[in-house]
All heavy atoms as atom14 arrays in JSON, in Angstrom:
{
  "sequence": "EDIGLKQTGVTYLARTDKEMAGFAKFLKIAETHGVDTRLLDQGETARL",
  "atom14_mask": [
    [1, 1, 1, 1, 1, 1, 1, 1, 1, 0, 0, 0, 0, 0],
    [1, 1, 1, 1, 1, 1, 1, 1, 0, 0, 0, 0, 0, 0],
    [1, 1, 1, 1, 1, 1, 1, 1, 0, 0, 0, 0, 0, 0],
    [1, 1, 1, 1, 0, 0, 0, 0, 0, 0, 0, 0, 0, 0],
    [1, 1, 1, 1, 1, 1, 1, 1, 0, 0, 0, 0, 0, 0],
    [1, 1, 1, 1, 1, 1, 1, 1, 1, 0, 0, 0, 0, 0],
    [1, 1, 1, 1, 1, 1, 1, 1, 1, 0, 0, 0, 0, 0],
    [1, 1, 1, 1, 1, 1, 1, 0, 0, 0, 0, 0, 0, 0],
    [1, 1, 1, 1, 0, 0, 0, 0, 0, 0, 0, 0, 0, 0],
    [1, 1, 1, 1, 1, 1, 1, 0, 0, 0, 0, 0, 0, 0],
    [1, 1, 1, 1, 1, 1, 1, 0, 0, 0, 0, 0, 0, 0],
    [1, 1, 1, 1, 1, 1, 1, 1, 1, 1, 1, 1, 0, 0],
    [1, 1, 1, 1, 1, 1, 1, 1, 0, 0, 0, 0, 0, 0],
    [1, 1, 1, 1, 1, 0, 0, 0, 0, 0, 0, 0, 0, 0],
    [1, 1, 1, 1, 1, 1, 1, 1, 1, 1, 1, 0, 0, 0],
    [1, 1, 1, 1, 1, 1, 1, 0, 0, 0, 0, 0, 0, 0],
    [1, 1, 1, 1, 1, 1, 1, 1, 0, 0, 0, 0, 0, 0],
    [1, 1, 1, 1, 1, 1, 1, 1, 1, 0, 0, 0, 0, 0],
    [1, 1, 1, 1, 1, 1, 1, 1, 1, 0, 0, 0, 0, 0],
    [1, 1, 1, 1, 1, 1, 1, 1, 0, 0, 0, 0, 0, 0],
    [1, 1, 1, 1, 1, 0, 0, 0, 0, 0, 0, 0, 0, 0],
    [1, 1, 1, 1, 0, 0, 0, 0, 0, 0, 0, 0, 0, 0],
    [1, 1, 1, 1, 1, 1, 1, 1, 1, 1, 1, 0, 0, 0],
    [1, 1, 1, 1, 1, 0, 0, 0, 0, 0, 0, 0, 0, 0],
    [1, 1, 1, 1, 1, 1, 1, 1, 1, 0, 0, 0, 0, 0],
    [1, 1, 1, 1, 1, 1, 1, 1, 1, 1, 1, 0, 0, 0],
    [1, 1, 1, 1, 1, 1, 1, 1, 0, 0, 0, 0, 0, 0],
    [1, 1, 1, 1, 1, 1, 1, 1, 1, 0, 0, 0, 0, 0],
    [1, 1, 1, 1, 1, 1, 1, 1, 0, 0, 0, 0, 0, 0],
    [1, 1, 1, 1, 1, 0, 0, 0, 0, 0, 0, 0, 0, 0],
    [1, 1, 1, 1, 1, 1, 1, 1, 1, 0, 0, 0, 0, 0],
    [1, 1, 1, 1, 1, 1, 1, 0, 0, 0, 0, 0, 0, 0],
    [1, 1, 1, 1, 1, 1, 1, 1, 1, 1, 0, 0, 0, 0],
    [1, 1, 1, 1, 0, 0, 0, 0, 0, 0, 0, 0, 0, 0],
    [1, 1, 1, 1, 1, 1, 1, 0, 0, 0, 0, 0, 0, 0],
    [1, 1, 1, 1, 1, 1, 1, 1, 0, 0, 0, 0, 0, 0],
    [1, 1, 1, 1, 1, 1, 1, 0, 0, 0, 0, 0, 0, 0],
    [1, 1, 1, 1, 1, 1, 1, 1, 1, 1, 1, 0, 0, 0],
    [1, 1, 1, 1, 1, 1, 1, 1, 0, 0, 0, 0, 0, 0],
    [1, 1, 1, 1, 1, 1, 1, 1, 0, 0, 0, 0, 0, 0],
    [1, 1, 1, 1, 1, 1, 1, 1, 0, 0, 0, 0, 0, 0],
    [1, 1, 1, 1, 1, 1, 1, 1, 1, 0, 0, 0, 0, 0],
    [1, 1, 1, 1, 0, 0, 0, 0, 0, 0, 0, 0, 0, 0],
    [1, 1, 1, 1, 1, 1, 1, 1, 1, 0, 0, 0, 0, 0],
    [1, 1, 1, 1, 1, 1, 1, 0, 0, 0, 0, 0, 0, 0],
    [1, 1, 1, 1, 1, 0, 0, 0, 0, 0, 0, 0, 0, 0],
    [1, 1, 1, 1, 1, 1, 1, 1, 1, 1, 1, 0, 0, 0],
    [1, 1, 1, 1, 1, 1, 1, 1, 0, 0, 0, 0, 0, 0]
  ],
  "atom14_positions": [
    [[2.59, -24.84, 15.93], [1.45, -24.17, 16.61], [0.84, -23.2, 15.76], [1.43, -22.64, 14.76], [2.06, -23.51, 17.78], [2.91, -24.48, 18.88], [3.36, -23.73, 20.08], [2.55, -22.79, 20.65], [4.48, -24.09, 20.58], [0.0, 0.0, 0.0], [0.0, 0.0, 0.0], [0.0, 0.0, 0.0], [0.0, 0.0, 0.0], [0.0, 0.0, 0.0]],
    [[-0.31, -22.96, 15.96], [-1.03, -21.91, 15.14], [-0.67, -20.51, 15.7], [-1.25, -20.1, 16.77], [-2.66, -22.1, 15.22], [-3.35, -21.26, 14.38], [-2.73, -20.34, 13.71], [-4.57, -21.4, 14.3], [0.0, 0.0, 0.0], [0.0, 0.0, 0.0], [0.0, 0.0, 0.0], [0.0, 0.0, 0.0], [0.0, 0.0, 0.0], [0.0, 0.0, 0.0]],
    [[0.05, -19.84, 15.06], [0.49, -18.39, 15.47], [-0.35, -17.37, 14.91], [-0.07, -16.17, 15.02], [1.97, -18.22, 15.24], [2.43, -18.2, 13.75], [2.77, -19.36, 16.05], [3.72, -17.8, 13.57], [0.0, 0.0, 0.0], [0.0, 0.0, 0.0], [0.0, 0.0, 0.0], [0.0, 0.0, 0.0], [0.0, 0.0, 0.0], [0.0, 0.0, 0.0]],
    [[-1.38, -17.68, 14.15], [-2.37, -16.79, 13.45], [-1.68, -16.08, 12.17], [-2.14, -15.04, 11.86], [0.0, 0.0, 0.0], [0.0, 0.0, 0.0], [0.0, 0.0, 0.0], [0.0, 0.0, 0.0], [0.0, 0.0, 0.0], [0.0, 0.0, 0.0], [0.0, 0.0, 0.0], [0.0, 0.0, 0.0], [0.0, 0.0, 0.0], [0.0, 0.0, 0.0]],
    [[-0.65, -16.73, 11.61], [-0.04, -16.15, 10.43], [-0.99, -16.21, 9.19], [-1.48, -17.35, 8.85], [1.22, -16.99, 10.2], [2.06, -16.42, 9.0], [2.78, -15.0, 9.43], [3.16, -17.44, 8.61], [0.0, 0.0, 0.0], [0.0, 0.0, 0.0], [0.0, 0.0, 0.0], [0.0, 0.0, 0.0], [0.0, 0.0, 0.0], [0.0, 0.0, 0.0]],
    [[-1.29, -15.13, 8.73], [-2.19, -14.93, 7.55], [-1.67, -13.85, 6.7], [-1.16, -12.8, 7.1], [-3.61, -14.64, 7.98], [-4.29, -15.74, 8.77], [-5.71, -15.48, 9.02], [-6.39, -16.44, 9.85], [-6.44, -17.75, 9.1], [0.0, 0.0, 0.0], [0.0, 0.0, 0.0], [0.0, 0.0, 0.0], [0.0, 0.0, 0.0], [0.0, 0.0, 0.0]],
    [[-1.84, -14.1, 5.37], [-1.48, -13.11, 4.3], [-2.74, -12.28, 3.82], [-3.53, -12.78, 3.2], [-0.97, -13.67, 3.02], [-0.51, -12.68, 2.05], [0.01, -13.37, 0.78], [0.96, -14.15, 0.83], [-0.37, -12.98, -0.4], [0.0, 0.0, 0.0], [0.0, 0.0, 0.0], [0.0, 0.0, 0.0], [0.0, 0.0, 0.0], [0.0, 0.0, 0.0]],
    [[-2.87, -11.15, 4.64], [-4.1, -10.34, 4.45], [-3.85, -8.89, 4.06], [-4.78, -8.13, 3.98], [-4.99, -10.24, 5.81], [-4.15, -9.93, 6.82], [-5.54, -11.69, 6.12], [0.0, 0.0, 0.0], [0.0, 0.0, 0.0], [0.0, 0.0, 0.0], [0.0, 0.0, 0.0], [0.0, 0.0, 0.0], [0.0, 0.0, 0.0], [0.0, 0.0, 0.0]],
    [[-2.56, -8.52, 3.76], [-2.21, -7.21, 3.33], [-2.14, -6.1, 4.41], [-2.65, -6.27, 5.51], [0.0, 0.0, 0.0], [0.0, 0.0, 0.0], [0.0, 0.0, 0.0], [0.0, 0.0, 0.0], [0.0, 0.0, 0.0], [0.0, 0.0, 0.0], [0.0, 0.0, 0.0], [0.0, 0.0, 0.0], [0.0, 0.0, 0.0], [0.0, 0.0, 0.0]],
    [[-1.49, -5.07, 4.01], [-1.24, -3.88, 4.75], [-1.58, -2.72, 3.99], [-1.35, -2.68, 2.76], [0.14, -3.66, 5.43], [0.26, -2.24, 5.86], [0.36, -4.68, 6.52], [0.0, 0.0, 0.0], [0.0, 0.0, 0.0], [0.0, 0.0, 0.0], [0.0, 0.0, 0.0], [0.0, 0.0, 0.0], [0.0, 0.0, 0.0], [0.0, 0.0, 0.0]],
    [[-2.51, -1.75, 4.39], [-2.92, -0.65, 3.61], [-2.73, 0.73, 4.44], [-3.04, 0.68, 5.64], [-4.42, -0.74, 3.27], [-4.68, -1.93, 2.43], [-4.9, 0.53, 2.58], [0.0, 0.0, 0.0], [0.0, 0.0, 0.0], [0.0, 0.0, 0.0], [0.0, 0.0, 0.0], [0.0, 0.0, 0.0], [0.0, 0.0, 0.0], [0.0, 0.0, 0.0]],
    [[-2.17, 1.76, 3.88], [-2.07, 3.02, 4.43], [-2.93, 3.88, 3.76], [-2.9, 4.0, 2.55], [-0.54, 3.51, 4.33], [0.46, 2.87, 5.14], [1.8, 3.04, 4.96], [0.1, 2.04, 6.28], [2.75, 2.46, 5.71], [1.04, 1.46, 7.06], [2.44, 1.51, 6.78], [3.41, 1.0, 7.45], [0.0, 0.0, 0.0], [0.0, 0.0, 0.0]],
    [[-3.8, 4.71, 4.51], [-4.63, 5.6, 3.87], [-4.08, 7.07, 3.81], [-3.37, 7.42, 4.79], [-6.02, 5.72, 4.71], [-6.64, 4.27, 4.81], [-7.83, 4.43, 5.95], [-7.19, 3.71, 3.62], [0.0, 0.0, 0.0], [0.0, 0.0, 0.0], [0.0, 0.0, 0.0], [0.0, 0.0, 0.0], [0.0, 0.0, 0.0], [0.0, 0.0, 0.0]],
    [[-4.47, 7.8, 2.78], [-3.88, 9.17, 2.7], [-5.07, 10.11, 2.49], [-6.07, 9.93, 1.89], [-3.03, 9.26, 1.28], [0.0, 0.0, 0.0], [0.0, 0.0, 0.0], [0.0, 0.0, 0.0], [0.0, 0.0, 0.0], [0.0, 0.0, 0.0], [0.0, 0.0, 0.0], [0.0, 0.0, 0.0], [0.0, 0.0, 0.0], [0.0, 0.0, 0.0]],
    [[-5.01, 11.19, 3.3], [-5.98, 12.36, 3.26], [-5.51, 13.5, 2.33], [-6.3, 14.34, 1.95], [-6.14, 12.81, 4.74], [-6.72, 11.81, 5.57], [-6.7, 12.39, 7.06], [-7.08, 11.38, 8.01], [-8.31, 11.41, 8.73], [-9.06, 12.34, 8.49], [-8.62, 10.5, 9.57], [0.0, 0.0, 0.0], [0.0, 0.0, 0.0], [0.0, 0.0, 0.0]],
    [[-4.13, 13.5, 2.05], [-3.58, 14.71, 1.3], [-2.65, 14.15, 0.13], [-2.27, 13.08, -0.04], [-2.72, 15.49, 2.25], [-1.5, 14.74, 2.71], [-3.49, 15.98, 3.51], [0.0, 0.0, 0.0], [0.0, 0.0, 0.0], [0.0, 0.0, 0.0], [0.0, 0.0, 0.0], [0.0, 0.0, 0.0], [0.0, 0.0, 0.0], [0.0, 0.0, 0.0]],
    [[-2.52, 15.11, -0.78], [-1.74, 14.89, -1.91], [-0.15, 14.68, -1.48], [0.58, 13.84, -2.01], [-1.58, 16.15, -2.88], [-2.91, 16.19, -3.65], [-3.54, 15.07, -3.93], [-3.33, 17.34, -4.0], [0.0, 0.0, 0.0], [0.0, 0.0, 0.0], [0.0, 0.0, 0.0], [0.0, 0.0, 0.0], [0.0, 0.0, 0.0], [0.0, 0.0, 0.0]],
    [[0.19, 15.35, -0.36], [1.61, 15.15, 0.22], [1.71, 13.75, 0.67], [2.82, 13.15, 0.43], [1.79, 16.12, 1.38], [3.13, 16.04, 1.99], [3.29, 17.0, 3.18], [4.69, 16.99, 3.76], [4.86, 17.79, 4.91], [0.0, 0.0, 0.0], [0.0, 0.0, 0.0], [0.0, 0.0, 0.0], [0.0, 0.0, 0.0], [0.0, 0.0, 0.0]],
    [[0.76, 13.16, 1.27], [0.84, 11.72, 1.78], [0.93, 10.69, 0.58], [1.76, 9.87, 0.55], [-0.34, 11.35, 2.63], [-0.37, 12.13, 3.96], [-1.59, 11.77, 4.75], [-2.69, 11.88, 4.19], [-1.59, 11.33, 5.95], [0.0, 0.0, 0.0], [0.0, 0.0, 0.0], [0.0, 0.0, 0.0], [0.0, 0.0, 0.0], [0.0, 0.0, 0.0]],
    [[0.13, 11.17, -0.45], [0.25, 10.18, -1.59], [1.73, 10.36, -2.33], [2.13, 9.33, -2.89], [-0.88, 10.63, -2.64], [-2.16, 10.28, -2.26], [-2.51, 8.47, -2.08], [-2.28, 7.83, -3.84], [0.0, 0.0, 0.0], [0.0, 0.0, 0.0], [0.0, 0.0, 0.0], [0.0, 0.0, 0.0], [0.0, 0.0, 0.0], [0.0, 0.0, 0.0]],
    [[2.24, 11.5, -2.32], [3.53, 11.65, -2.89], [4.56, 10.89, -2.04], [5.51, 10.27, -2.7], [3.94, 13.2, -2.76], [0.0, 0.0, 0.0], [0.0, 0.0, 0.0], [0.0, 0.0, 0.0], [0.0, 0.0, 0.0], [0.0, 0.0, 0.0], [0.0, 0.0, 0.0], [0.0, 0.0, 0.0], [0.0, 0.0, 0.0], [0.0, 0.0, 0.0]],
    [[4.44, 10.76, -0.73], [5.3, 9.91, 0.04], [5.04, 8.6, -0.3], [6.08, 7.81, -0.35], [0.0, 0.0, 0.0], [0.0, 0.0, 0.0], [0.0, 0.0, 0.0], [0.0, 0.0, 0.0], [0.0, 0.0, 0.0], [0.0, 0.0, 0.0], [0.0, 0.0, 0.0], [0.0, 0.0, 0.0], [0.0, 0.0, 0.0], [0.0, 0.0, 0.0]],
    [[3.95, 8.04, -0.61], [3.66, 6.77, -0.9], [4.29, 6.43, -2.28], [4.94, 5.35, -2.45], [2.17, 6.4, -1.08], [1.45, 6.55, 0.3], [-0.07, 6.52, 0.21], [2.02, 6.58, 1.55], [-0.84, 6.57, 1.43], [1.29, 6.6, 2.64], [-0.11, 6.55, 2.66], [0.0, 0.0, 0.0], [0.0, 0.0, 0.0], [0.0, 0.0, 0.0]],
    [[4.21, 7.38, -3.17], [4.9, 7.2, -4.47], [6.39, 6.91, -4.39], [6.89, 6.17, -5.25], [4.56, 8.35, -5.39], [0.0, 0.0, 0.0], [0.0, 0.0, 0.0], [0.0, 0.0, 0.0], [0.0, 0.0, 0.0], [0.0, 0.0, 0.0], [0.0, 0.0, 0.0], [0.0, 0.0, 0.0], [0.0, 0.0, 0.0], [0.0, 0.0, 0.0]],
    [[7.03, 7.67, -3.37], [8.47, 7.37, -3.23], [8.75, 5.96, -2.84], [9.73, 5.31, -3.34], [9.03, 8.35, -2.2], [9.05, 9.87, -2.71], [9.57, 10.78, -1.69], [9.63, 12.23, -2.05], [10.1, 13.15, -0.97], [0.0, 0.0, 0.0], [0.0, 0.0, 0.0], [0.0, 0.0, 0.0], [0.0, 0.0, 0.0], [0.0, 0.0, 0.0]],
    [[7.89, 5.41, -1.91], [8.18, 4.14, -1.61], [7.81, 3.12, -2.56], [8.54, 2.12, -2.77], [7.28, 3.75, -0.2], [7.54, 2.29, 0.17], [8.69, 1.83, 0.78], [6.52, 1.29, -0.17], [8.89, 0.58, 1.08], [6.75, -0.01, 0.14], [7.92, -0.46, 0.72], [0.0, 0.0, 0.0], [0.0, 0.0, 0.0], [0.0, 0.0, 0.0]],
    [[6.95, 3.42, -3.36], [6.48, 2.45, -4.49], [7.65, 2.17, -5.36], [7.94, 1.13, -5.81], [5.37, 3.18, -5.33], [4.73, 2.29, -6.38], [4.23, 0.88, -5.98], [3.74, 3.09, -7.36], [0.0, 0.0, 0.0], [0.0, 0.0, 0.0], [0.0, 0.0, 0.0], [0.0, 0.0, 0.0], [0.0, 0.0, 0.0], [0.0, 0.0, 0.0]],
    [[8.62, 3.24, -5.66], [9.72, 3.0, -6.46], [10.65, 2.03, -5.78], [11.3, 1.23, -6.44], [10.54, 4.35, -6.71], [9.65, 5.17, -7.6], [10.34, 6.71, -7.59], [9.55, 7.61, -8.45], [10.23, 8.96, -8.55], [0.0, 0.0, 0.0], [0.0, 0.0, 0.0], [0.0, 0.0, 0.0], [0.0, 0.0, 0.0], [0.0, 0.0, 0.0]],
    [[10.82, 2.1, -4.45], [11.69, 1.21, -3.68], [11.1, -0.23, -3.77], [11.73, -1.23, -4.09], [11.83, 1.69, -2.26], [12.44, 2.89, -2.21], [12.65, 0.56, -1.45], [12.52, 3.66, -0.79], [0.0, 0.0, 0.0], [0.0, 0.0, 0.0], [0.0, 0.0, 0.0], [0.0, 0.0, 0.0], [0.0, 0.0, 0.0], [0.0, 0.0, 0.0]],
    [[9.75, -0.31, -3.61], [9.14, -1.64, -3.69], [9.33, -2.21, -5.03], [9.62, -3.43, -5.06], [7.64, -1.47, -3.28], [0.0, 0.0, 0.0], [0.0, 0.0, 0.0], [0.0, 0.0, 0.0], [0.0, 0.0, 0.0], [0.0, 0.0, 0.0], [0.0, 0.0, 0.0], [0.0, 0.0, 0.0], [0.0, 0.0, 0.0], [0.0, 0.0, 0.0]],
    [[9.05, -1.48, -6.11], [9.25, -2.11, -7.46], [10.59, -2.55, -7.74], [10.79, -3.63, -8.35], [8.97, -0.96, -8.45], [7.34, -0.59, -8.46], [7.08, 0.49, -9.31], [8.04, 1.4, -9.65], [5.95, 0.78, -9.71], [0.0, 0.0, 0.0], [0.0, 0.0, 0.0], [0.0, 0.0, 0.0], [0.0, 0.0, 0.0], [0.0, 0.0, 0.0]],
    [[11.62, -1.95, -7.19], [12.97, -2.38, -7.26], [13.25, -3.72, -6.78], [14.05, -4.65, -7.3], [14.0, -1.37, -6.56], [13.75, -0.13, -7.2], [15.43, -1.88, -6.66], [0.0, 0.0, 0.0], [0.0, 0.0, 0.0], [0.0, 0.0, 0.0], [0.0, 0.0, 0.0], [0.0, 0.0, 0.0], [0.0, 0.0, 0.0], [0.0, 0.0, 0.0]],
    [[12.45, -4.11, -5.66], [12.66, -5.39, -5.04], [11.49, -6.35, -5.42], [11.45, -7.43, -4.79], [12.59, -5.26, -3.49], [13.85, -4.52, -3.1], [15.09, -5.08, -2.77], [14.11, -3.23, -2.77], [16.01, -4.19, -2.57], [15.35, -2.98, -2.43], [0.0, 0.0, 0.0], [0.0, 0.0, 0.0], [0.0, 0.0, 0.0], [0.0, 0.0, 0.0]],
    [[10.66, -6.02, -6.3], [9.65, -6.87, -6.78], [8.48, -7.09, -5.79], [7.8, -8.1, -5.83], [0.0, 0.0, 0.0], [0.0, 0.0, 0.0], [0.0, 0.0, 0.0], [0.0, 0.0, 0.0], [0.0, 0.0, 0.0], [0.0, 0.0, 0.0], [0.0, 0.0, 0.0], [0.0, 0.0, 0.0], [0.0, 0.0, 0.0], [0.0, 0.0, 0.0]],
    [[8.33, -6.14, -4.85], [7.21, -6.18, -3.83], [5.91, -5.68, -4.53], [5.96, -4.77, -5.35], [7.52, -5.4, -2.68], [6.39, -5.46, -1.65], [8.8, -6.0, -2.01], [0.0, 0.0, 0.0], [0.0, 0.0, 0.0], [0.0, 0.0, 0.0], [0.0, 0.0, 0.0], [0.0, 0.0, 0.0], [0.0, 0.0, 0.0], [0.0, 0.0, 0.0]],
    [[4.75, -6.31, -4.25], [3.51, -6.13, -4.97], [2.83, -4.8, -4.42], [1.55, -4.75, -4.62], [2.69, -7.33, -4.94], [2.29, -7.66, -3.52], [3.01, -7.28, -2.54], [1.27, -8.46, -3.31], [0.0, 0.0, 0.0], [0.0, 0.0, 0.0], [0.0, 0.0, 0.0], [0.0, 0.0, 0.0], [0.0, 0.0, 0.0], [0.0, 0.0, 0.0]],
    [[3.4, -3.92, -3.95], [2.81, -2.6, -3.45], [2.32, -1.91, -4.65], [2.73, -1.85, -5.71], [3.88, -1.72, -2.73], [4.5, -2.45, -1.72], [3.26, -0.44, -2.3], [0.0, 0.0, 0.0], [0.0, 0.0, 0.0], [0.0, 0.0, 0.0], [0.0, 0.0, 0.0], [0.0, 0.0, 0.0], [0.0, 0.0, 0.0], [0.0, 0.0, 0.0]],
    [[1.12, -1.24, -4.34], [0.42, -0.43, -5.44], [-0.25, 0.69, -4.85], [-0.62, 0.65, -3.61], [-0.48, -1.22, -6.34], [-1.6, -2.04, -5.68], [-2.24, -3.03, -6.6], [-3.28, -3.76, -5.86], [-4.61, -3.5, -5.92], [-5.01, -2.34, -6.65], [-5.5, -4.11, -5.31], [0.0, 0.0, 0.0], [0.0, 0.0, 0.0], [0.0, 0.0, 0.0]],
    [[-0.48, 1.65, -5.6], [-1.23, 3.03, -5.16], [-2.67, 2.83, -5.56], [-2.97, 2.32, -6.61], [-0.66, 4.15, -5.66], [0.81, 4.55, -5.37], [1.23, 5.93, -5.79], [1.06, 4.5, -3.84], [0.0, 0.0, 0.0], [0.0, 0.0, 0.0], [0.0, 0.0, 0.0], [0.0, 0.0, 0.0], [0.0, 0.0, 0.0], [0.0, 0.0, 0.0]],
    [[-3.59, 3.25, -4.76], [-5.04, 3.24, -5.07], [-5.49, 4.62, -5.15], [-5.1, 5.51, -4.37], [-5.75, 2.41, -3.94], [-5.31, 0.97, -3.66], [-6.33, 0.5, -2.47], [-5.31, 0.17, -4.86], [0.0, 0.0, 0.0], [0.0, 0.0, 0.0], [0.0, 0.0, 0.0], [0.0, 0.0, 0.0], [0.0, 0.0, 0.0], [0.0, 0.0, 0.0]],
    [[-6.48, 4.83, -6.05], [-7.18, 6.22, -6.11], [-8.29, 6.25, -5.17], [-8.52, 5.29, -4.37], [-7.47, 6.53, -7.53], [-8.53, 5.6, -8.05], [-9.29, 4.95, -7.28], [-8.71, 5.58, -9.37], [0.0, 0.0, 0.0], [0.0, 0.0, 0.0], [0.0, 0.0, 0.0], [0.0, 0.0, 0.0], [0.0, 0.0, 0.0], [0.0, 0.0, 0.0]],
    [[-8.99, 7.28, -5.19], [-10.1, 7.43, -4.09], [-11.21, 6.43, -4.21], [-11.63, 5.73, -3.2], [-10.69, 8.91, -4.25], [-11.85, 9.16, -3.3], [-12.22, 10.57, -3.38], [-11.72, 11.51, -4.08], [-13.46, 10.86, -2.92], [0.0, 0.0, 0.0], [0.0, 0.0, 0.0], [0.0, 0.0, 0.0], [0.0, 0.0, 0.0], [0.0, 0.0, 0.0]],
    [[-11.61, 6.03, -5.4], [-12.54, 5.06, -5.66], [-12.14, 3.68, -5.25], [-12.73, 2.91, -4.64], [0.0, 0.0, 0.0], [0.0, 0.0, 0.0], [0.0, 0.0, 0.0], [0.0, 0.0, 0.0], [0.0, 0.0, 0.0], [0.0, 0.0, 0.0], [0.0, 0.0, 0.0], [0.0, 0.0, 0.0], [0.0, 0.0, 0.0], [0.0, 0.0, 0.0]],
    [[-10.89, 3.28, -5.63], [-10.35, 2.05, -5.37], [-10.22, 1.89, -3.86], [-10.42, 0.76, -3.24], [-8.99, 1.82, -5.93], [-8.95, 1.76, -7.56], [-7.62, 1.76, -8.21], [-6.93, 2.59, -7.74], [-7.37, 1.05, -9.17], [0.0, 0.0, 0.0], [0.0, 0.0, 0.0], [0.0, 0.0, 0.0], [0.0, 0.0, 0.0], [0.0, 0.0, 0.0]],
    [[-9.84, 2.91, -3.15], [-9.62, 2.85, -1.63], [-11.03, 2.55, -1.0], [-11.22, 1.83, -0.11], [-9.07, 4.19, -1.18], [-7.85, 4.4, -1.87], [-8.93, 4.14, 0.35], [0.0, 0.0, 0.0], [0.0, 0.0, 0.0], [0.0, 0.0, 0.0], [0.0, 0.0, 0.0], [0.0, 0.0, 0.0], [0.0, 0.0, 0.0], [0.0, 0.0, 0.0]],
    [[-12.19, 3.31, -1.56], [-13.49, 3.07, -1.02], [-13.96, 1.68, -1.24], [-14.68, 1.14, -0.33], [-14.4, 4.11, -1.5], [0.0, 0.0, 0.0], [0.0, 0.0, 0.0], [0.0, 0.0, 0.0], [0.0, 0.0, 0.0], [0.0, 0.0, 0.0], [0.0, 0.0, 0.0], [0.0, 0.0, 0.0], [0.0, 0.0, 0.0], [0.0, 0.0, 0.0]],
    [[-13.55, 1.17, -2.31], [-13.96, -0.32, -2.75], [-13.25, -1.36, -1.9], [-13.81, -2.33, -1.49], [-13.81, -0.55, -4.2], [-14.91, 0.16, -5.02], [-14.93, -0.33, -6.43], [-13.68, 0.04, -7.19], [-13.48, 1.25, -7.81], [-14.41, 2.17, -7.8], [-12.34, 1.52, -8.46], [0.0, 0.0, 0.0], [0.0, 0.0, 0.0], [0.0, 0.0, 0.0]],
    [[-12.0, -0.99, -1.48], [-11.21, -1.9, -0.68], [-11.72, -2.16, 0.65], [-11.94, -3.19, 1.21], [-9.84, -1.49, -0.68], [-8.84, -2.36, 0.13], [-8.6, -3.68, -0.49], [-7.49, -1.65, 0.44], [0.0, 0.0, 0.0], [0.0, 0.0, 0.0], [0.0, 0.0, 0.0], [0.0, 0.0, 0.0], [0.0, 0.0, 0.0], [0.0, 0.0, 0.0]]
  ]
}
């Protein structure tokens, strides 16, 4: 059955440096497991 499964990504937006620091902590966990998580700067976020 078509359950709508699609690989389209998940993105969390940050308004503050504190939020970006939290993202950076998870990035280390993701890298340990080979997950393709990455951080975006202000311009990359706007282009996404």
